[in-house]
Protein backbone atom coordinates (compact mmCIF):
# COMPACT_ATOMS: atom_id res chain seq x y z
CA UNK A 1 -63.66 76.66 -14.52
CA UNK A 2 -61.19 78.13 -12.50
CA UNK A 3 -57.78 75.97 -12.67
CA UNK A 4 -54.25 76.78 -10.68
CA UNK A 5 -52.05 79.04 -13.26
CA UNK A 6 -48.95 77.95 -11.56
CA UNK A 7 -47.82 74.35 -11.31
CA UNK A 8 -44.73 72.73 -10.47
CA UNK A 9 -43.92 68.67 -12.03
CA UNK A 10 -40.61 67.06 -12.23
CA UNK A 11 -42.01 64.96 -14.55
CA UNK A 12 -42.85 67.31 -17.22
CA UNK A 13 -41.29 70.18 -16.33
CA UNK A 14 -41.73 73.68 -14.47
CA UNK A 15 -44.98 75.95 -15.49
CA UNK A 16 -44.30 78.71 -14.18
CA UNK A 17 -46.01 82.27 -14.26
CA UNK A 18 -43.77 85.10 -14.06
CA UNK A 19 -45.09 88.46 -12.70
CA UNK A 20 -46.32 90.70 -15.62
CA UNK A 21 -43.72 93.72 -16.27
CA UNK A 22 -44.89 96.73 -15.89
CA UNK A 23 -45.44 98.16 -19.13
CA UNK A 24 -47.68 95.37 -19.94
CA UNK A 25 -51.25 95.09 -19.42
CA UNK A 26 -53.29 92.15 -19.40
CA UNK A 27 -56.63 92.57 -20.94
CA UNK A 28 -53.83 93.26 -24.31
CA UNK A 29 -53.74 90.14 -26.80
CA UNK A 30 -51.28 90.69 -29.84
CA UNK A 31 -51.74 88.16 -32.27
CA UNK A 32 -48.47 87.33 -34.29
CA UNK A 33 -48.88 86.80 -38.43
CA UNK A 34 -46.24 85.64 -40.64
CA UNK A 35 -46.25 85.44 -44.35
CA UNK A 36 -47.85 82.11 -45.96
CA UNK A 37 -49.79 81.53 -42.65
CA UNK A 38 -53.17 79.71 -42.83
CA UNK A 39 -56.26 82.63 -43.15
CA UNK A 40 -58.57 80.56 -41.17
CA UNK A 41 -56.33 79.93 -37.84
CA UNK A 42 -54.96 83.49 -38.03
CA UNK A 43 -58.93 84.54 -38.08
CA UNK A 44 -59.70 82.63 -35.13
CA UNK A 45 -57.79 85.02 -32.60
CA UNK A 46 -59.21 87.88 -34.54
CA UNK A 47 -62.72 87.15 -34.21
CA UNK A 48 -61.81 86.34 -29.89
CA UNK A 49 -60.25 89.28 -29.05
CA UNK A 50 -60.85 91.50 -31.31
CA UNK A 51 -64.72 92.38 -31.36
CA UNK A 52 -66.45 94.10 -28.87
CA UNK A 53 -68.96 91.87 -27.34
CA UNK A 54 -69.60 93.34 -24.26
CA UNK A 55 -73.46 93.49 -25.04
CA UNK A 56 -73.56 89.76 -24.60
CA UNK A 57 -71.33 89.89 -21.48
CA UNK A 58 -68.10 89.60 -22.85
CA UNK A 59 -65.26 91.48 -21.57
CA UNK A 60 -63.53 93.54 -24.26
CA UNK A 61 -59.59 92.59 -24.97
CA UNK A 62 -57.26 95.00 -26.85
CA UNK A 63 -55.91 93.83 -29.67
CA UNK A 64 -52.86 94.05 -31.18
CA UNK A 65 -52.29 92.44 -34.81
CA UNK A 66 -48.32 92.57 -35.15
CA UNK A 67 -46.30 91.72 -38.19
CA UNK A 68 -43.60 89.15 -37.51
CA UNK A 69 -41.75 90.09 -40.38
CA UNK A 70 -41.40 92.68 -42.89
CA UNK A 71 -44.88 92.55 -45.07
CA UNK A 72 -47.16 92.75 -47.21
CA UNK A 73 -47.90 89.18 -45.63
CA UNK A 74 -49.86 87.26 -47.96
CA UNK A 75 -51.83 84.23 -46.82
CA UNK A 76 -54.64 81.48 -48.17
CA UNK A 77 -55.64 82.18 -51.63
CA UNK A 78 -53.38 84.76 -52.30
CA UNK A 79 -54.81 87.34 -50.50
CA UNK A 80 -52.62 89.97 -49.36
CA UNK A 81 -52.70 90.98 -45.41
CA UNK A 82 -51.19 94.27 -43.36
CA UNK A 83 -50.56 94.65 -40.02
CA UNK A 84 -50.81 97.57 -38.36
CA UNK A 85 -48.26 97.01 -35.53
CA UNK A 86 -44.56 95.13 -36.06
CA UNK A 87 -42.60 93.40 -33.10
CA UNK A 88 -42.32 96.22 -31.10
CA UNK A 89 -45.75 96.22 -30.10
CA UNK A 90 -45.23 92.83 -28.31
CA UNK A 91 -43.49 94.70 -25.62
CA UNK A 92 -47.48 95.81 -24.31
CA UNK A 93 -49.12 92.29 -24.71
CA UNK A 94 -50.33 90.32 -21.23
CA UNK A 95 -50.61 87.47 -23.78
CA UNK A 96 -49.33 86.70 -27.34
CA UNK A 97 -50.91 84.48 -29.79
CA UNK A 98 -48.52 82.50 -32.66
CA UNK A 99 -52.43 80.89 -34.41
CA UNK A 100 -50.27 79.50 -37.03
CA UNK A 101 -46.19 78.98 -39.17
CA UNK A 102 -46.47 78.50 -42.70
CA UNK A 103 -44.05 75.89 -42.91
CA UNK A 104 -42.60 73.16 -40.20
CA UNK A 105 -39.37 73.00 -42.64
CA UNK A 106 -38.67 76.73 -42.40
CA UNK A 107 -36.81 77.89 -38.87
CA UNK A 108 -39.36 81.40 -37.89
CA UNK A 109 -37.30 84.81 -38.31
CA UNK A 110 -34.77 85.38 -35.73
CA UNK A 111 -36.86 88.75 -34.57
CA UNK A 112 -39.58 87.58 -33.56
CA UNK A 113 -37.96 84.31 -31.91
CA UNK A 114 -36.46 87.16 -30.12
CA UNK A 115 -39.82 89.03 -29.00
CA UNK A 116 -41.45 85.81 -27.90
CA UNK A 117 -38.59 84.89 -25.40
CA UNK A 118 -38.44 88.66 -23.83
CA UNK A 119 -42.03 88.57 -23.71
CA UNK A 120 -42.58 85.17 -22.07
CA UNK A 121 -39.29 86.35 -19.36
CA UNK A 122 -41.43 89.51 -18.88
CA UNK A 123 -44.48 87.06 -17.21
CA UNK A 124 -46.54 87.43 -20.90
CA UNK A 125 -48.75 83.97 -21.59
CA UNK A 126 -48.01 82.32 -24.88
CA UNK A 127 -50.13 80.72 -27.13
CA UNK A 128 -49.62 78.22 -29.86
CA UNK A 129 -52.47 77.49 -32.32
CA UNK A 130 -51.74 74.58 -34.63
CA UNK A 131 -48.31 74.95 -36.01
CA UNK A 132 -47.87 77.97 -33.96
CA UNK A 133 -46.00 75.61 -31.71
CA UNK A 134 -43.05 74.97 -33.92
CA UNK A 135 -42.54 78.92 -33.56
CA UNK A 136 -43.00 78.36 -29.47
CA UNK A 137 -40.36 75.22 -29.94
CA UNK A 138 -38.18 77.35 -32.26
CA UNK A 139 -37.62 79.86 -29.56
CA UNK A 140 -37.32 76.81 -27.37
CA UNK A 141 -40.25 78.11 -24.58
CA UNK A 142 -41.41 74.18 -24.65
CA UNK A 143 -38.17 72.27 -23.68
CA UNK A 144 -39.58 70.09 -21.13
CA UNK A 145 -42.81 70.86 -21.53
CA UNK A 146 -46.18 68.97 -22.29
CA UNK A 147 -47.29 70.58 -26.01
CA UNK A 148 -49.56 69.30 -29.03
CA UNK A 149 -49.98 70.50 -32.62
CA UNK A 150 -51.76 69.14 -35.57
CA UNK A 151 -51.71 65.44 -35.58
CA UNK A 152 -49.84 65.25 -39.17
CA UNK A 153 -47.23 67.35 -37.84
CA UNK A 154 -46.68 66.26 -34.57
CA UNK A 155 -44.13 63.18 -35.06
CA UNK A 156 -42.15 66.25 -36.99
CA UNK A 157 -42.26 68.14 -33.82
CA UNK A 158 -41.65 65.39 -31.70
CA UNK A 159 -38.35 64.82 -34.14
CA UNK A 160 -36.97 68.17 -34.48
CA UNK A 161 -37.44 69.05 -30.97
CA UNK A 162 -36.78 65.86 -28.65
CA UNK A 163 -37.07 67.47 -25.46
CA UNK A 164 -40.75 68.70 -25.69
CA UNK A 165 -43.30 65.89 -24.15
CA UNK A 166 -45.50 66.04 -27.50
CA UNK A 167 -48.98 64.58 -26.81
CA UNK A 168 -51.01 64.73 -30.61
CA UNK A 169 -54.03 63.32 -28.88
CA UNK A 170 -55.00 66.15 -26.84
CA UNK A 171 -57.17 69.53 -28.07
CA UNK A 172 -54.94 71.83 -26.14
CA UNK A 173 -52.15 71.83 -23.59
CA UNK A 174 -52.62 74.50 -21.10
CA UNK A 175 -49.16 74.62 -19.40
CA UNK A 176 -49.49 77.80 -17.09
CA UNK A 177 -47.83 80.28 -19.15
CA UNK A 178 -47.62 78.65 -22.57
CA UNK A 179 -50.73 76.73 -24.33
CA UNK A 180 -50.75 74.88 -27.30
CA UNK A 181 -53.98 73.89 -29.13
CA UNK A 182 -54.18 70.99 -32.18
CA UNK A 183 -54.95 71.65 -35.19
CA UNK A 184 -57.87 74.11 -36.55
CA UNK A 185 -61.01 74.50 -34.70
CA UNK A 186 -59.32 73.51 -32.03
CA UNK A 187 -57.81 76.82 -31.93
CA UNK A 188 -61.27 78.11 -30.83
CA UNK A 189 -61.18 75.80 -28.15
CA UNK A 190 -58.26 76.93 -26.47
CA UNK A 191 -59.17 80.60 -27.01
CA UNK A 192 -62.26 79.78 -25.67
CA UNK A 193 -59.98 78.30 -22.60
CA UNK A 194 -58.52 81.57 -22.29
CA UNK A 195 -61.53 83.48 -22.08
CA UNK A 196 -62.70 81.03 -19.50
CA UNK A 197 -59.86 81.36 -17.22
CA UNK A 198 -59.68 85.07 -17.46
CA UNK A 199 -63.44 85.89 -17.05
CA UNK A 200 -64.77 83.11 -15.85
CA UNK A 201 -67.48 80.27 -17.25
CA UNK A 202 -70.72 82.35 -18.13
CA UNK A 203 -68.27 85.01 -20.03
CA UNK A 204 -66.55 81.91 -22.20
CA UNK A 205 -70.41 80.43 -22.71
CA UNK A 206 -71.60 83.49 -23.91
CA UNK A 207 -68.75 83.95 -26.32
CA UNK A 208 -69.69 80.53 -27.27
CA UNK A 209 -73.31 81.10 -28.65
CA UNK A 210 -72.33 84.49 -30.17
CA UNK A 211 -69.65 82.14 -32.23
CA UNK A 212 -72.45 79.64 -32.61
CA UNK A 213 -69.59 76.35 -31.07
CA UNK A 214 -69.72 74.23 -28.36
CA UNK A 215 -68.34 75.95 -24.76
CA UNK A 216 -66.13 73.26 -23.92
CA UNK A 217 -65.54 69.81 -26.13
CA UNK A 218 -63.61 67.19 -24.17
CA UNK A 219 -64.64 63.97 -23.48
CA UNK A 220 -66.38 61.40 -25.31
CA UNK A 221 -69.80 62.52 -23.55
CA UNK A 222 -69.39 65.91 -24.03
CA UNK A 223 -68.81 65.74 -28.13
CA UNK A 224 -71.21 63.07 -28.98
CA UNK A 225 -68.96 60.64 -28.82
CA UNK A 226 -66.85 61.56 -31.69
CA UNK A 227 -63.46 59.28 -31.97
CA UNK A 228 -59.96 60.65 -31.35
CA UNK A 229 -57.74 60.94 -34.34
CA UNK A 230 -55.06 58.24 -35.03
CA UNK A 231 -52.70 58.27 -38.85
CA UNK A 232 -50.06 56.79 -40.47
CA UNK A 233 -48.49 60.40 -40.71
CA UNK A 234 -44.36 60.03 -40.73
CA UNK A 235 -42.12 62.85 -40.89
CA UNK A 236 -41.64 63.94 -43.99
CA UNK A 237 -38.19 63.38 -44.26
CA UNK A 238 -38.72 59.84 -43.62
CA UNK A 239 -39.56 59.05 -47.52
CA UNK A 240 -35.86 59.32 -48.52
CA UNK A 241 -34.68 56.83 -45.79
CA UNK A 242 -33.72 53.03 -46.45
CA UNK A 243 -35.74 52.38 -43.29
CA UNK A 244 -39.29 53.56 -45.22
CA UNK A 245 -39.14 50.63 -46.81
CA UNK A 246 -39.32 48.74 -43.86
CA UNK A 247 -42.26 51.04 -42.78
CA UNK A 248 -43.96 50.38 -46.02
CA UNK A 249 -43.60 47.02 -45.41
CA UNK A 250 -44.73 46.94 -41.89
CA UNK A 251 -47.65 48.88 -43.02
CA UNK A 252 -48.49 45.87 -45.72
CA UNK A 253 -48.67 43.02 -43.24
CA UNK A 254 -50.13 44.69 -40.36
CA UNK A 255 -52.28 41.14 -40.06
CA UNK A 256 -49.43 39.26 -39.44
CA UNK A 257 -47.98 38.74 -36.19
CA UNK A 258 -44.38 40.17 -35.88
CA UNK A 259 -42.97 42.16 -33.42
CA UNK A 260 -40.38 44.75 -33.73
CA UNK A 261 -37.52 42.30 -33.82
CA UNK A 262 -38.75 40.97 -37.09
CA UNK A 263 -38.68 44.55 -38.40
CA UNK A 264 -34.95 45.01 -37.12
CA UNK A 265 -34.19 41.97 -39.07
CA UNK A 266 -35.56 43.61 -42.21
CA UNK A 267 -33.30 46.76 -41.74
CA UNK A 268 -30.40 44.54 -40.80
CA UNK A 269 -30.00 45.75 -37.86
CA UNK A 270 -29.98 44.94 -34.67
CA UNK A 271 -32.86 45.73 -32.07
CA UNK A 272 -30.89 47.96 -30.19
CA UNK A 273 -29.68 50.42 -33.33
CA UNK A 274 -33.18 49.81 -35.02
CA UNK A 275 -34.92 51.50 -31.99
CA UNK A 276 -32.58 54.48 -31.84
CA UNK A 277 -32.70 54.89 -35.73
CA UNK A 278 -36.24 54.91 -35.86
CA UNK A 279 -36.39 56.94 -32.91
CA UNK A 280 -34.25 59.51 -34.36
CA UNK A 281 -36.41 59.35 -37.17
CA UNK A 282 -39.44 60.03 -36.39
CA UNK A 283 -39.23 61.04 -32.60
CA UNK A 284 -41.32 57.70 -31.35
CA UNK A 285 -40.34 54.41 -30.32
CA UNK A 286 -40.53 51.80 -32.97
CA UNK A 287 -42.90 49.25 -30.85
CA UNK A 288 -45.26 52.33 -30.11
CA UNK A 289 -45.52 53.28 -33.61
CA UNK A 290 -46.30 49.57 -34.55
CA UNK A 291 -48.98 49.18 -32.26
CA UNK A 292 -50.37 52.68 -33.08
CA UNK A 293 -50.55 51.10 -36.72
CA UNK A 294 -52.49 47.88 -35.51
CA UNK A 295 -54.98 50.12 -33.69
CA UNK A 296 -55.84 52.42 -36.73
CA UNK A 297 -55.95 49.18 -38.95
CA UNK A 298 -58.34 48.05 -36.26
CA UNK A 299 -60.23 51.38 -36.32
CA UNK A 300 -60.88 51.48 -40.31
CA UNK A 301 -62.18 47.40 -40.35
CA UNK A 302 -64.78 48.73 -37.46
CA UNK A 303 -66.06 51.59 -39.67
CA UNK A 304 -66.36 49.59 -43.11
CA UNK A 305 -66.52 45.84 -42.06
CA UNK A 306 -69.11 43.51 -40.24
CA UNK A 307 -66.63 41.36 -38.77
CA UNK A 308 -66.60 40.53 -35.03
CA UNK A 309 -64.04 42.18 -32.82
CA UNK A 310 -62.13 38.86 -32.55
CA UNK A 311 -62.11 38.48 -36.28
CA UNK A 312 -60.81 42.31 -36.22
CA UNK A 313 -57.92 41.58 -33.52
CA UNK A 314 -56.53 38.46 -35.88
CA UNK A 315 -56.68 40.47 -39.22
CA UNK A 316 -54.84 43.85 -37.14
CA UNK A 317 -52.16 41.18 -35.97
CA UNK A 318 -53.25 41.10 -32.12
CA UNK A 319 -52.44 38.25 -30.65
CA UNK A 320 -56.51 37.98 -28.64
CA UNK A 321 -59.32 39.96 -28.69
CA UNK A 322 -58.36 41.17 -25.27
CA UNK A 323 -54.83 42.46 -26.11
CA UNK A 324 -56.72 44.34 -29.22
CA UNK A 325 -59.18 45.47 -26.43
CA UNK A 326 -56.61 46.81 -23.87
CA UNK A 327 -54.54 48.81 -26.51
CA UNK A 328 -57.91 50.44 -28.47
CA UNK A 329 -58.82 51.81 -25.41
CA UNK A 330 -55.31 52.85 -24.30
CA UNK A 331 -55.33 54.79 -28.08
CA UNK A 332 -58.74 55.69 -28.44
CA UNK A 333 -60.47 55.87 -25.10
CA UNK A 334 -63.23 53.50 -25.68
CA UNK A 335 -63.84 49.50 -26.54
CA UNK A 336 -64.17 48.28 -29.76
CA UNK A 337 -67.53 47.94 -29.42
CA UNK A 338 -68.51 50.75 -28.16
CA UNK A 339 -66.16 52.54 -31.24
CA UNK A 340 -68.37 50.56 -33.59
CA UNK A 341 -71.67 51.61 -32.54
CA UNK A 342 -70.97 55.18 -32.10
CA UNK A 343 -69.52 54.98 -35.44
CA UNK A 344 -72.59 53.96 -36.75
CA UNK A 345 -75.06 55.99 -35.30
CA UNK A 346 -73.34 58.88 -36.54
CA UNK A 347 -73.68 57.16 -40.15
CA UNK A 348 -77.46 57.60 -40.90
CA UNK A 349 -76.81 54.25 -43.48
CA UNK A 350 -74.91 51.89 -40.84
CA UNK A 351 -76.57 49.01 -38.89
CA UNK A 352 -76.55 48.32 -35.33
CA UNK A 353 -73.54 46.60 -34.39
CA UNK A 354 -74.54 43.07 -33.39
CA UNK A 355 -72.28 43.56 -30.20
CA UNK A 356 -74.36 46.32 -29.00
CA UNK A 357 -77.52 44.70 -27.71
CA UNK A 358 -78.80 44.55 -24.34
CA UNK A 359 -76.20 46.03 -22.47
CA UNK A 360 -74.07 47.52 -24.80
CA UNK A 361 -72.91 50.82 -26.10
CA UNK A 362 -76.33 52.77 -27.11
CA UNK A 363 -78.87 54.91 -25.87
CA UNK A 364 -79.58 54.14 -21.89
CA UNK A 365 -76.74 51.63 -22.14
CA UNK A 366 -73.21 50.62 -20.92
CA UNK A 367 -70.55 48.50 -21.99
CA UNK A 368 -70.42 44.65 -21.23
CA UNK A 369 -68.49 43.78 -18.04
CA UNK A 370 -68.13 47.78 -16.96
CA UNK A 371 -69.11 48.89 -13.26
CA UNK A 372 -71.03 52.20 -13.31
CA UNK A 373 -72.52 54.01 -10.75
CA UNK A 374 -75.40 54.75 -12.67
CA UNK A 375 -77.10 53.34 -15.66
CA UNK A 376 -78.38 55.20 -18.86
CA UNK A 377 -75.41 57.30 -20.37
CA UNK A 378 -77.44 59.42 -22.68
CA UNK A 379 -75.65 59.06 -26.07
CA UNK A 380 -73.84 55.82 -24.68
CA UNK A 381 -70.74 56.75 -22.38
CA UNK A 382 -69.35 53.18 -21.67
CA UNK A 383 -69.27 54.80 -18.33
CA UNK A 384 -66.64 54.23 -15.44
CA UNK A 385 -64.39 50.79 -15.26
CA UNK A 386 -64.18 49.48 -12.06
CA UNK A 387 -61.50 47.06 -10.60
CA UNK A 388 -59.01 46.84 -13.26
CA UNK A 389 -55.51 46.25 -11.54
CA UNK A 390 -52.57 48.56 -12.54
CA UNK A 391 -50.11 47.62 -14.66
CA UNK A 392 -46.83 48.50 -14.52
CA UNK A 393 -47.10 51.27 -16.52
CA UNK A 394 -43.31 50.85 -17.61
CA UNK A 395 -41.46 49.91 -20.75
CA UNK A 396 -38.99 47.53 -21.83
CA UNK A 397 -35.32 47.37 -20.34
CA UNK A 398 -34.10 49.39 -23.75
CA UNK A 399 -36.71 52.23 -22.99
CA UNK A 400 -38.30 51.22 -26.43
CA UNK A 401 -42.03 50.41 -24.74
CA UNK A 402 -42.59 53.71 -22.18
CA UNK A 403 -42.86 56.03 -24.36
CA UNK A 404 -45.86 58.30 -23.65
CA UNK A 405 -49.08 57.35 -26.24
CA UNK A 406 -47.96 57.84 -29.84
CA UNK A 407 -44.94 59.91 -29.06
CA UNK A 408 -44.56 60.51 -25.55
CA UNK A 409 -47.59 60.21 -23.58
CA UNK A 410 -49.43 56.95 -21.73
CA UNK A 411 -52.95 56.80 -22.30
CA UNK A 412 -56.16 54.82 -20.45
CA UNK A 413 -56.62 51.15 -19.67
CA UNK A 414 -59.30 49.62 -18.64
CA UNK A 415 -59.96 45.93 -19.11
CA UNK A 416 -63.26 45.14 -19.34
CA UNK A 417 -63.41 42.77 -16.21
CA UNK A 418 -60.71 40.87 -14.20
CA UNK A 419 -60.87 37.78 -15.59
CA UNK A 420 -60.10 39.61 -18.69
CA UNK A 421 -57.36 41.97 -16.90
CA UNK A 422 -55.07 38.89 -16.38
CA UNK A 423 -55.49 37.83 -20.04
CA UNK A 424 -54.68 41.39 -21.05
CA UNK A 425 -51.42 41.55 -19.53
CA UNK A 426 -49.94 38.19 -20.81
CA UNK A 427 -51.39 38.80 -23.99
CA UNK A 428 -50.31 42.59 -24.24
CA UNK A 429 -46.15 41.11 -23.44
CA UNK A 430 -46.70 38.81 -26.57
CA UNK A 431 -47.79 42.02 -28.32
CA UNK A 432 -44.86 43.84 -27.15
CA UNK A 433 -46.60 46.31 -24.84
CA UNK A 434 -46.82 46.37 -21.22
CA UNK A 435 -49.93 47.71 -19.60
CA UNK A 436 -50.07 51.15 -18.51
CA UNK A 437 -52.39 52.65 -15.66
CA UNK A 438 -55.91 52.28 -15.43
CA UNK A 439 -57.52 55.88 -15.05
CA UNK A 440 -60.56 57.88 -16.81
CA UNK A 441 -61.52 57.17 -20.20
CA UNK A 442 -62.67 60.50 -21.28
CA UNK A 443 -60.27 62.51 -23.78
CA UNK A 444 -60.29 66.43 -23.42
CA UNK A 445 -57.72 68.86 -23.18
CA UNK A 446 -54.93 69.08 -20.49
CA UNK A 447 -54.80 72.20 -18.11
CA UNK A 448 -52.15 72.68 -15.65
CA UNK A 449 -54.27 70.74 -12.46
CA UNK A 450 -54.47 67.62 -15.05
CA UNK A 451 -50.77 67.47 -16.31
CA UNK A 452 -50.48 63.96 -16.72
CA UNK A 453 -51.98 61.15 -19.03
CA UNK A 454 -49.32 58.22 -17.47
């Protein structure tokens, strides 16, 4: 796959590619290691870029393993590493990879941050795997850019660096000269993407075969219907704040119909003050957080119970099943019935979903109400929904409804048909969320030619 490496976007900020300095070489990849870093993430770029696999059709890179601080470096299990190069070796690299950072609460060494800024100024491509995004953010290199990291740490990244457009739903984000990935295995996806950009699909495919991993993960069809990940994570600092009690109450009463005004009243704050305080603590608007928690609760009930979709909607505080379907699709990329069917297919002890019979989601089926150009869909891809009118895509006057996704990115929204679309528009207003834009249900990495998700 060939994608542009230079892109300009007024919303997400510039993604420009500077001319590589004469002393740097495109085929040289430097991996920056720190003490306390997890060994799995650290080993990914070493395996991808450090082994000669030319016999398998994979072009060779030259690897420089660099210590980001004085050694010896300790890693998972008490292992001790000795990197052959220091920070000065970064001056020769055309690509610099930061596999992970030992603690999201600690600042990275100033000398390492200076070296990364210098590499960026001289045209090097920077790659942050998992919590490596925190290092790039600390260097100021993610300001105004889209980025991702492990979903557990995404709220903290968004809070600590509010100018970074954090989207925890992405496997990886390619913003031209700076790339970031989600946790653990997503680092393999991003490294394969780098090889694909440099040497083409055949080289990346050959490398994937050697690593015994899929050459490309992305949409549900490509991943066998694996769901996205949602969680109840909040920044570590949240536990000591008085608002933690309000958050705990909300999580215990998701089955009730309440809104952000109710939470603000429990915190003895005005709505505007509560919104500002909640956002400063979590990096997310309380409205979007609340909707995400309701969808997460629905996800769990669909996995563990036999409640109908209508019953699930009621037990998660949604005012109607249509509102649940809209928000569920926005967050997870599929309908509740499709999610349940795919989940039970993956579990041998699961039972067939009563809503996924003829015409439902399943092998050779499509979702009821879906408009598709071809029937049959292998594992049961929901297909392309047609005829859904565009929503406003906006938020409330105080700005609380316009957050992108969980943190900064809007997502897909496609009501089941025109009749339900009108109801969804009405019910979503009651649930405190304006409908967003209809777009592809595919969930996958963001590349420069695919900058926005809403």
